[in-house]
Amino acid sequence: MKPQIGSIPLADLTSLDLQRFYKHLLDGGRVDRIEAKKKPKGLAPKTVRNIH
C-alpha cells in the first residue's frame, strides 16, 4: 500500500492534505481481502474518526 501522507513533512502538512486523506479512506481505504470481497471499498466513518 502506498503511503498517502507519509511523504509530506509535518511542518508542510495542511488541513487540505488531511481532508484528502480522510476522503481517500472513506472512498477506497479498505484493503482487498477475501473476507471483504462483498463489502464496500471505503472505510466506515467511525473507523476514519478513530484514525483521526
N, C-alpha and C. Protein backbone atom coordinates (compact mmCIF):
# COMPACT_ATOMS: atom_id res chain seq x y z
N MET A 1 0.84 -1.18 0.00
CA MET A 1 0.00 0.00 0.00
C MET A 1 0.89 1.25 0.00
N LYS A 2 0.57 2.18 -0.84
CA LYS A 2 1.36 3.40 -0.97
C LYS A 2 0.99 4.40 0.13
N PRO A 3 1.98 4.97 0.82
CA PRO A 3 1.67 5.96 1.86
C PRO A 3 0.93 7.17 1.27
N GLN A 4 -0.04 7.66 1.99
CA GLN A 4 -0.83 8.79 1.50
C GLN A 4 -0.28 10.12 1.98
N ILE A 5 0.10 10.21 3.25
CA ILE A 5 0.59 11.48 3.78
C ILE A 5 1.98 11.34 4.40
N GLY A 6 2.55 10.15 4.35
CA GLY A 6 3.84 9.91 4.98
C GLY A 6 5.00 10.64 4.34
N SER A 7 4.85 11.03 3.08
CA SER A 7 5.95 11.70 2.39
C SER A 7 5.93 13.22 2.60
N ILE A 8 4.89 13.74 3.24
CA ILE A 8 4.78 15.18 3.47
C ILE A 8 5.42 15.52 4.81
N PRO A 9 6.41 16.42 4.83
CA PRO A 9 6.99 16.82 6.12
C PRO A 9 5.91 17.42 7.03
N LEU A 10 6.00 17.15 8.30
CA LEU A 10 4.98 17.58 9.25
C LEU A 10 4.76 19.10 9.21
N ALA A 11 5.83 19.85 9.05
CA ALA A 11 5.72 21.31 9.01
C ALA A 11 4.94 21.78 7.77
N ASP A 12 4.89 20.95 6.71
CA ASP A 12 4.21 21.32 5.47
C ASP A 12 2.82 20.71 5.35
N LEU A 13 2.42 19.88 6.29
CA LEU A 13 1.13 19.22 6.25
C LEU A 13 0.02 20.23 6.50
N THR A 14 -0.96 20.27 5.61
CA THR A 14 -2.06 21.23 5.73
C THR A 14 -3.36 20.50 6.02
N SER A 15 -4.37 21.26 6.41
CA SER A 15 -5.68 20.67 6.65
C SER A 15 -6.26 20.11 5.36
N LEU A 16 -5.92 20.70 4.22
CA LEU A 16 -6.39 20.18 2.94
C LEU A 16 -5.79 18.79 2.67
N ASP A 17 -4.52 18.60 3.02
CA ASP A 17 -3.89 17.28 2.88
C ASP A 17 -4.64 16.25 3.72
N LEU A 18 -4.98 16.61 4.94
CA LEU A 18 -5.70 15.69 5.82
C LEU A 18 -7.10 15.41 5.31
N GLN A 19 -7.79 16.42 4.79
CA GLN A 19 -9.13 16.20 4.24
C GLN A 19 -9.08 15.25 3.04
N ARG A 20 -8.07 15.41 2.19
CA ARG A 20 -7.91 14.50 1.05
C ARG A 20 -7.64 13.07 1.53
N PHE A 21 -6.83 12.95 2.58
CA PHE A 21 -6.52 11.64 3.14
C PHE A 21 -7.78 10.97 3.69
N TYR A 22 -8.57 11.72 4.45
CA TYR A 22 -9.80 11.17 5.02
C TYR A 22 -10.78 10.78 3.90
N LYS A 23 -10.88 11.60 2.86
CA LYS A 23 -11.75 11.30 1.73
C LYS A 23 -11.30 10.02 1.04
N HIS A 24 -9.98 9.86 0.90
CA HIS A 24 -9.44 8.64 0.30
C HIS A 24 -9.84 7.42 1.13
N LEU A 25 -9.75 7.53 2.45
CA LEU A 25 -10.12 6.42 3.33
C LEU A 25 -11.61 6.08 3.21
N LEU A 26 -12.44 7.11 3.14
CA LEU A 26 -13.88 6.89 3.03
C LEU A 26 -14.26 6.28 1.69
N ASP A 27 -13.56 6.64 0.63
CA ASP A 27 -13.90 6.16 -0.71
C ASP A 27 -13.27 4.82 -1.07
N GLY A 28 -12.07 4.57 -0.60
CA GLY A 28 -11.39 3.36 -1.05
C GLY A 28 -10.31 2.88 -0.12
N GLY A 29 -10.48 3.06 1.16
CA GLY A 29 -9.42 2.73 2.10
C GLY A 29 -9.36 1.28 2.54
N ARG A 30 -10.34 0.48 2.13
CA ARG A 30 -10.37 -0.91 2.58
C ARG A 30 -9.32 -1.73 1.83
N VAL A 31 -8.63 -2.59 2.56
CA VAL A 31 -7.64 -3.49 1.97
C VAL A 31 -8.38 -4.61 1.25
N ASP A 32 -7.93 -4.96 0.06
CA ASP A 32 -8.56 -6.06 -0.68
C ASP A 32 -8.19 -7.38 -0.02
N ARG A 33 -9.20 -8.02 0.57
CA ARG A 33 -9.01 -9.33 1.21
C ARG A 33 -10.19 -10.21 0.83
N ILE A 34 -9.99 -11.48 0.93
CA ILE A 34 -11.04 -12.44 0.58
C ILE A 34 -12.29 -12.20 1.41
N GLU A 35 -12.13 -11.93 2.71
CA GLU A 35 -13.28 -11.74 3.59
C GLU A 35 -14.07 -10.48 3.24
N ALA A 36 -13.43 -9.51 2.59
CA ALA A 36 -14.05 -8.21 2.34
C ALA A 36 -14.51 -8.05 0.89
N LYS A 37 -14.59 -9.12 0.14
CA LYS A 37 -14.94 -9.01 -1.29
C LYS A 37 -16.32 -8.39 -1.50
N LYS A 38 -17.29 -8.68 -0.64
CA LYS A 38 -18.65 -8.19 -0.84
C LYS A 38 -18.93 -6.89 -0.11
N LYS A 39 -17.94 -6.36 0.59
CA LYS A 39 -18.12 -5.13 1.34
C LYS A 39 -17.73 -3.93 0.48
N PRO A 40 -18.24 -2.74 0.82
CA PRO A 40 -17.84 -1.54 0.07
C PRO A 40 -16.34 -1.30 0.18
N LYS A 41 -15.79 -0.60 -0.78
CA LYS A 41 -14.34 -0.36 -0.81
C LYS A 41 -13.86 0.64 0.25
N GLY A 42 -14.74 1.53 0.70
CA GLY A 42 -14.33 2.54 1.66
C GLY A 42 -14.45 2.06 3.09
N LEU A 43 -13.80 2.79 3.98
CA LEU A 43 -13.90 2.51 5.41
C LEU A 43 -15.12 3.21 5.99
N ALA A 44 -15.59 2.73 7.11
CA ALA A 44 -16.73 3.34 7.79
C ALA A 44 -16.31 4.68 8.39
N PRO A 45 -17.25 5.63 8.46
CA PRO A 45 -16.93 6.93 9.06
C PRO A 45 -16.38 6.81 10.48
N LYS A 46 -16.87 5.88 11.27
CA LYS A 46 -16.38 5.66 12.63
C LYS A 46 -14.90 5.26 12.61
N THR A 47 -14.53 4.42 11.66
CA THR A 47 -13.13 3.99 11.54
C THR A 47 -12.24 5.17 11.18
N VAL A 48 -12.70 6.02 10.27
CA VAL A 48 -11.93 7.20 9.88
C VAL A 48 -11.79 8.15 11.06
N ARG A 49 -12.84 8.30 11.87
CA ARG A 49 -12.74 9.14 13.08
C ARG A 49 -11.71 8.55 14.04
N ASN A 50 -11.67 7.23 14.17
CA ASN A 50 -10.68 6.59 15.06
C ASN A 50 -9.26 6.83 14.53
N ILE A 51 -9.08 6.81 13.23
CA ILE A 51 -7.76 7.08 12.64
C ILE A 51 -7.35 8.53 12.93
N HIS A 52 -8.32 9.44 12.85
CA HIS A 52 -8.06 10.85 13.13
C HIS A 52 -7.48 11.00 14.53
